[in-house]
Amino acid sequence: MTITESETPPRAFPAPDHRAIVRALSARFPHWSIWYGSATGHYWGLRRFDDGRIGFIEALSPQEFVRQATTGY
């Protein structure tokens, strides 16, 4: 038995556009290299600070990425 479009339940929410989200995060945090890992489902960021330290973020959501990038944890 195959499921037709009329039998497929509607999605409660549209799937997020991860590329658009990464572009928005990159515009907000231009010193960060930011990407979405399709295998992990996480947002990632990497940056070198002026004093030579490396910043690394792994976040489950864009909101968590913003929190980590602005507070450091």
Foldseek 3Di string as FASTA:
>chain_A
DDADPVRDDDDPDDDDDQVVLQVVVCVVPVQWDWDADPVVCWIWIWHADPVGDIDIDTGNDSVVVVVCVVPVD
